[in-house]
Amino acid sequence: MAGYIIKISVIIPSHNRCELLRRALLSVFCQTLLPFEVIVIDDGSTDNTGKMINNEFPAVNYYRQENAGVSSARNFGIHHSTGDWLAFLDSDDEWLPEKLSQQVAALSVNQEYKVCHTEEIWIRNGIRVNLAQKYAKRGGWIFSFCLPLCAISPSTVMIHRSVFEDIGLFDTYFPVCEDYELWLRITAKYQVLLIEEPQIKKHGGHENQLSQKLWGMDRFRITALRKLIDSAQLSKKNQQMAIDMLLNKSAIYLNGVIKRGKIDEADYYQELIKQYSTFQND
């Protein structure tokens, strides 16, 4: 790592998670390699987030915006960051002390990579749980592994600024699965470097998780797939894989809305399947 110096901006969006945010920030300032800057975007919190940061973390660049969602908050942070590399941390997660130093060390000998992520430890309701095999992290060209589910956790990733300049920012249309949509765009064009040792604790199970508030998450993944397919920017191989996944997810989701008696939604997905079936194996 000697001689390889990079400026890392840490971007943390938060909404009414004062206590969890404190834990996240402590994990950043306990890093063996400290970042260049730490940015918190308060997405319209009504708790003591601003006061806590002012009193306990004066080195943090704190910004507040009206509540507009996590994608808007992350984009706000990207616009206000000045580092060459951007590391994201969800306010309910925490980094292990070597996270940044491990990523910088790996990137120093793999300088062709512009995206790096790590393995993670999952905590559900305070208890460590084992990851199902389908959630195993991978490196290299991982577009195919990003199609079924979110294959990169935002809190593990570090991305060179040039990637966002190339493929764009988070899409604010998505209230959830915004990371899934971004990873599809990124991994269609960039290889991903993987740190195989866990470098974060990913916490879940708490009541204010967005993924616990919305039924039918796959409808957002289907929309993301449709957006990417219609962009006409994929290779022929990736385009076909994306269409196959869209049809698979749409068929499963269609079955669910039929069971729930959602006639208008069922009609939409039937037409969607019909439309994209014509593109198969063209």
Protein backbone atom coordinates (compact mmCIF):
# COMPACT_ATOMS: atom_id res chain seq x y z
CA MET A 1 0.00 0.00 0.00
CA ALA A 2 3.05 2.25 0.30
CA GLY A 3 2.82 5.17 -2.09
CA TYR A 4 -0.82 4.50 -2.97
CA ILE A 5 -2.72 7.46 -1.57
CA ILE A 6 -6.40 8.02 -2.24
CA LYS A 7 -8.95 10.47 -0.86
CA ILE A 8 -12.02 8.67 0.49
CA SER A 9 -15.31 10.42 1.10
CA VAL A 10 -17.70 8.52 3.38
CA ILE A 11 -21.39 9.18 2.65
CA ILE A 12 -24.03 8.27 5.24
CA PRO A 13 -27.73 9.00 4.64
CA SER A 14 -29.98 8.89 7.71
CA HIS A 15 -33.59 9.46 8.66
CA ASN A 16 -34.68 9.32 12.32
CA ARG A 17 -31.93 6.91 13.32
CA CYS A 18 -30.00 9.00 15.82
CA GLU A 19 -28.80 6.11 18.01
CA LEU A 20 -28.00 3.81 15.09
CA LEU A 21 -26.22 6.65 13.32
CA ARG A 22 -24.02 7.19 16.38
CA ARG A 23 -22.92 3.55 16.17
CA ALA A 24 -22.24 3.87 12.44
CA LEU A 25 -20.15 7.01 12.92
CA LEU A 26 -18.13 5.48 15.74
CA SER A 27 -17.25 2.62 13.39
CA VAL A 28 -15.99 5.14 10.81
CA PHE A 29 -13.82 7.06 13.26
CA CYS A 30 -12.40 3.79 14.61
CA GLN A 31 -10.97 2.89 11.20
CA THR A 32 -7.27 2.07 11.10
CA LEU A 33 -7.21 4.18 7.93
CA LEU A 34 -9.28 7.31 8.41
CA PRO A 35 -11.18 8.75 5.45
CA PHE A 36 -10.54 12.16 3.94
CA GLU A 37 -14.04 13.35 4.87
CA VAL A 38 -17.25 12.06 6.45
CA ILE A 39 -20.57 13.36 5.14
CA VAL A 40 -23.94 12.79 6.83
CA ILE A 41 -27.10 13.68 4.94
CA ASP A 42 -29.99 14.08 7.33
CA ASP A 43 -33.04 13.22 5.23
CA GLY A 44 -35.57 15.29 7.16
CA SER A 45 -35.14 13.67 10.59
CA THR A 46 -37.37 14.82 13.47
CA ASP A 47 -35.21 13.28 16.19
CA ASN A 48 -31.98 14.59 17.73
CA THR A 49 -29.73 13.70 14.79
CA GLY A 50 -28.42 17.23 14.18
CA LYS A 51 -27.78 17.94 17.86
CA MET A 52 -26.03 14.60 18.36
CA ILE A 53 -23.65 15.16 15.45
CA ASN A 54 -22.91 18.73 16.50
CA ASN A 55 -22.09 17.65 20.05
CA GLU A 56 -20.28 14.36 19.41
CA PHE A 57 -18.90 14.43 15.86
CA PRO A 58 -17.83 18.00 15.02
CA ALA A 59 -15.54 16.72 12.24
CA VAL A 60 -18.54 15.45 10.25
CA ASN A 61 -19.79 17.48 7.31
CA TYR A 62 -23.48 17.57 8.22
CA TYR A 63 -26.19 18.46 5.71
CA ARG A 64 -29.92 18.45 6.14
CA GLN A 65 -32.56 18.19 3.41
CA GLU A 66 -36.33 17.82 3.38
CA ASN A 67 -37.28 14.14 3.42
CA ALA A 68 -36.80 12.86 -0.12
CA GLY A 69 -35.60 9.28 0.30
CA VAL A 70 -32.31 7.45 0.50
CA SER A 71 -31.41 7.82 -3.19
CA SER A 72 -31.82 11.58 -3.06
CA ALA A 73 -29.79 11.73 0.15
CA ARG A 74 -26.94 9.66 -1.31
CA ASN A 75 -26.93 11.79 -4.46
CA PHE A 76 -26.80 14.91 -2.29
CA GLY A 77 -23.77 13.45 -0.54
CA ILE A 78 -22.07 12.59 -3.82
CA HIS A 79 -22.55 16.15 -5.10
CA HIS A 80 -21.05 17.60 -1.90
CA SER A 81 -18.14 15.16 -1.66
CA THR A 82 -14.63 15.97 -2.81
CA GLY A 83 -12.85 12.60 -2.56
CA ASP A 84 -11.68 10.48 -5.46
CA TRP A 85 -13.32 7.40 -3.97
CA LEU A 86 -16.79 7.26 -2.40
CA ALA A 87 -17.58 4.80 0.40
CA PHE A 88 -21.20 4.41 1.46
CA LEU A 89 -22.48 3.39 4.87
CA ASP A 90 -26.13 2.87 5.78
CA SER A 91 -26.88 4.42 9.15
CA ASP A 92 -28.03 1.10 10.63
CA ASP A 93 -24.82 -0.75 9.70
CA GLU A 94 -21.29 -0.55 11.06
CA TRP A 95 -17.81 -1.09 9.67
CA LEU A 96 -15.14 -3.32 11.16
CA PRO A 97 -11.91 -1.40 11.92
CA GLU A 98 -9.90 -2.63 8.91
CA LYS A 99 -12.57 -2.02 6.29
CA LEU A 100 -11.08 0.96 4.50
CA SER A 101 -7.46 -0.12 4.90
CA GLN A 102 -8.24 -3.57 3.44
CA GLN A 103 -9.94 -2.02 0.43
CA VAL A 104 -7.15 0.47 -0.20
CA ALA A 105 -4.53 -2.29 0.10
CA ALA A 106 -6.40 -4.45 -2.42
CA LEU A 107 -6.94 -1.56 -4.83
CA SER A 108 -3.28 -0.62 -4.66
CA VAL A 109 -2.37 -3.91 -6.37
CA ASN A 110 -5.48 -4.03 -8.57
CA GLN A 111 -5.55 -0.49 -9.89
CA GLU A 112 -7.61 -1.41 -12.94
CA TYR A 113 -10.66 -1.80 -10.69
CA LYS A 114 -13.01 1.12 -10.03
CA VAL A 115 -15.44 -0.71 -7.71
CA CYS A 116 -14.59 -2.70 -4.58
CA HIS A 117 -16.87 -4.44 -2.09
CA THR A 118 -16.45 -6.83 0.81
CA GLU A 119 -18.00 -9.80 2.52
CA GLU A 120 -20.23 -9.02 5.48
CA ILE A 121 -21.55 -10.33 8.77
CA TRP A 122 -25.33 -10.41 9.06
CA ILE A 123 -27.02 -9.50 12.33
CA ARG A 124 -30.78 -9.99 12.67
CA ASN A 125 -32.45 -8.66 15.81
CA GLY A 126 -29.09 -8.68 17.55
CA ILE A 127 -28.20 -12.27 16.63
CA ARG A 128 -25.62 -13.31 14.05
CA VAL A 129 -27.11 -15.39 11.25
CA ASN A 130 -25.50 -17.43 8.49
CA LEU A 131 -25.87 -16.21 4.93
CA ALA A 132 -27.71 -18.38 2.44
CA GLN A 133 -25.50 -19.43 -0.46
CA LYS A 134 -27.41 -17.20 -2.87
CA TYR A 135 -26.10 -14.17 -0.94
CA ALA A 136 -22.44 -15.17 -1.26
CA LYS A 137 -20.39 -12.25 -2.60
CA ARG A 138 -18.46 -12.49 -5.84
CA GLY A 139 -15.83 -10.53 -7.72
CA GLY A 140 -15.03 -9.97 -11.38
CA TRP A 141 -17.74 -9.65 -14.01
CA ILE A 142 -20.78 -10.23 -11.78
CA PHE A 143 -23.66 -8.83 -13.85
CA SER A 144 -25.38 -12.23 -14.06
CA PHE A 145 -25.26 -12.57 -10.25
CA CYS A 146 -26.81 -9.11 -9.82
CA LEU A 147 -29.91 -10.00 -11.86
CA PRO A 148 -31.81 -12.17 -9.32
CA LEU A 149 -31.11 -10.06 -6.22
CA CYS A 150 -29.00 -7.29 -4.75
CA ALA A 151 -25.51 -8.80 -4.89
CA ILE A 152 -23.64 -5.84 -3.39
CA SER A 153 -24.45 -4.22 -0.05
CA PRO A 154 -24.14 -0.42 -0.12
CA SER A 155 -22.26 -0.41 3.20
CA THR A 156 -19.51 -2.62 1.77
CA VAL A 157 -18.83 -0.76 -1.44
CA MET A 158 -16.22 1.82 -2.45
CA ILE A 159 -16.59 3.37 -5.90
CA HIS A 160 -14.35 5.69 -7.89
CA ARG A 161 -16.00 9.00 -8.69
CA SER A 162 -15.48 8.46 -12.43
CA VAL A 163 -17.96 5.56 -12.35
CA PHE A 164 -20.81 7.89 -11.37
CA GLU A 165 -19.71 10.37 -14.00
CA ASP A 166 -20.00 7.55 -16.52
CA ILE A 167 -23.21 5.72 -15.57
CA GLY A 168 -25.09 8.32 -13.49
CA LEU A 169 -26.26 8.52 -9.88
CA PHE A 170 -28.87 6.66 -7.86
CA ASP A 171 -32.32 6.76 -9.49
CA THR A 172 -34.64 8.65 -7.15
CA TYR A 173 -37.70 6.94 -8.65
CA PHE A 174 -37.03 3.85 -6.56
CA PRO A 175 -38.15 3.94 -2.89
CA VAL A 176 -36.41 0.55 -2.45
CA CYS A 177 -34.17 -1.59 -4.67
CA GLU A 178 -32.37 1.60 -5.69
CA ASP A 179 -29.08 -0.17 -5.04
CA TYR A 180 -30.15 -3.17 -7.13
CA GLU A 181 -30.84 -0.82 -10.05
CA LEU A 182 -27.48 0.93 -9.67
CA TRP A 183 -25.50 -2.32 -9.44
CA LEU A 184 -27.03 -3.51 -12.70
CA ARG A 185 -25.83 -0.38 -14.47
CA ILE A 186 -22.39 -0.58 -12.91
CA THR A 187 -21.70 -4.30 -13.32
CA ALA A 188 -22.78 -4.24 -16.96
CA LYS A 189 -19.70 -2.07 -17.60
CA TYR A 190 -17.25 -2.61 -14.75
CA GLN A 191 -15.57 -5.51 -13.01
CA VAL A 192 -15.86 -5.61 -9.22
CA LEU A 193 -13.05 -6.32 -6.76
CA LEU A 194 -14.02 -8.45 -3.75
CA ILE A 195 -12.46 -8.49 -0.27
CA GLU A 196 -13.31 -12.02 0.84
CA GLU A 197 -13.07 -11.37 4.59
CA PRO A 198 -16.12 -9.69 6.20
CA GLN A 199 -15.51 -5.99 6.81
CA ILE A 200 -18.95 -4.83 7.97
CA LYS A 201 -21.77 -5.80 10.28
CA LYS A 202 -25.05 -5.55 8.38
CA HIS A 203 -27.90 -5.11 10.83
CA GLY A 204 -31.51 -6.01 10.02
CA GLY A 205 -34.84 -6.86 11.54
CA HIS A 206 -35.56 -3.44 13.04
CA GLU A 207 -38.92 -1.85 12.37
CA ASN A 208 -37.78 1.16 10.30
CA GLN A 209 -36.15 -0.88 7.57
CA LEU A 210 -37.63 0.17 4.23
CA SER A 211 -37.61 -3.41 2.96
CA GLN A 212 -39.97 -4.41 5.76
CA LYS A 213 -42.53 -1.76 4.86
CA LEU A 214 -43.26 -2.62 1.24
CA TRP A 215 -44.87 -5.75 -0.19
CA GLY A 216 -43.72 -7.18 -3.49
CA MET A 217 -40.16 -5.91 -3.72
CA ASP A 218 -39.73 -7.66 -7.08
CA ARG A 219 -41.98 -5.13 -8.78
CA PHE A 220 -39.20 -2.57 -8.31
CA ARG A 221 -36.60 -5.02 -9.61
CA ILE A 222 -38.79 -5.66 -12.65
CA THR A 223 -38.98 -1.91 -13.27
CA ALA A 224 -35.18 -1.68 -12.94
CA LEU A 225 -34.71 -4.52 -15.41
CA ARG A 226 -37.11 -2.94 -17.88
CA LYS A 227 -35.30 0.39 -17.63
CA LEU A 228 -31.95 -1.25 -18.30
CA ILE A 229 -33.21 -3.38 -21.19
CA ASP A 230 -34.89 -0.40 -22.83
CA SER A 231 -31.70 1.65 -22.54
CA ALA A 232 -30.20 -0.49 -25.34
CA GLN A 233 -26.77 -0.19 -23.69
CA LEU A 234 -26.25 -3.85 -22.81
CA SER A 235 -24.19 -6.37 -24.71
CA LYS A 236 -26.26 -8.98 -26.55
CA LYS A 237 -25.45 -11.60 -23.91
CA ASN A 238 -26.34 -9.34 -20.98
CA GLN A 239 -29.49 -8.13 -22.76
CA GLN A 240 -30.74 -11.68 -23.15
CA MET A 241 -29.98 -12.54 -19.53
CA ALA A 242 -31.81 -9.41 -18.38
CA ILE A 243 -34.87 -10.23 -20.50
CA ASP A 244 -34.94 -13.80 -19.19
CA MET A 245 -34.81 -12.51 -15.60
CA LEU A 246 -37.52 -9.91 -16.26
CA LEU A 247 -39.82 -12.60 -17.64
CA ASN A 248 -39.09 -14.93 -14.74
CA LYS A 249 -39.72 -12.30 -12.09
CA SER A 250 -42.80 -10.98 -13.90
CA ALA A 251 -44.38 -14.46 -14.08
CA ILE A 252 -43.84 -15.01 -10.35
CA TYR A 253 -45.14 -11.57 -9.47
CA LEU A 254 -48.14 -11.99 -11.78
CA ASN A 255 -49.11 -15.15 -9.93
CA GLY A 256 -49.00 -13.20 -6.66
CA VAL A 257 -51.20 -10.33 -7.82
CA ILE A 258 -53.74 -12.75 -9.33
CA LYS A 259 -54.01 -14.49 -5.95
CA ARG A 260 -54.59 -11.11 -4.33
CA GLY A 261 -57.29 -10.19 -6.85
CA LYS A 262 -55.42 -7.17 -8.24
CA ILE A 263 -56.93 -7.27 -11.70
CA ASP A 264 -55.46 -4.06 -13.14
CA GLU A 265 -51.98 -4.97 -11.96
CA ALA A 266 -52.38 -8.48 -13.35
CA ASP A 267 -53.32 -7.06 -16.74
CA TYR A 268 -50.20 -4.88 -16.72
CA TYR A 269 -47.85 -7.79 -16.04
CA GLN A 270 -49.57 -10.03 -18.58
CA GLU A 271 -48.94 -7.38 -21.23
CA LEU A 272 -45.39 -6.91 -20.02
CA ILE A 273 -44.67 -10.62 -20.35
CA LYS A 274 -46.22 -10.68 -23.79
CA GLN A 275 -44.16 -7.67 -24.91
CA TYR A 276 -40.76 -8.95 -23.75
CA SER A 277 -41.37 -12.55 -24.76
CA THR A 278 -41.06 -11.38 -28.37
CA PHE A 279 -37.44 -10.36 -27.64
CA GLN A 280 -36.35 -13.78 -26.44
CA ASN A 281 -33.69 -15.41 -28.57
CA ASP A 282 -33.94 -12.79 -31.32
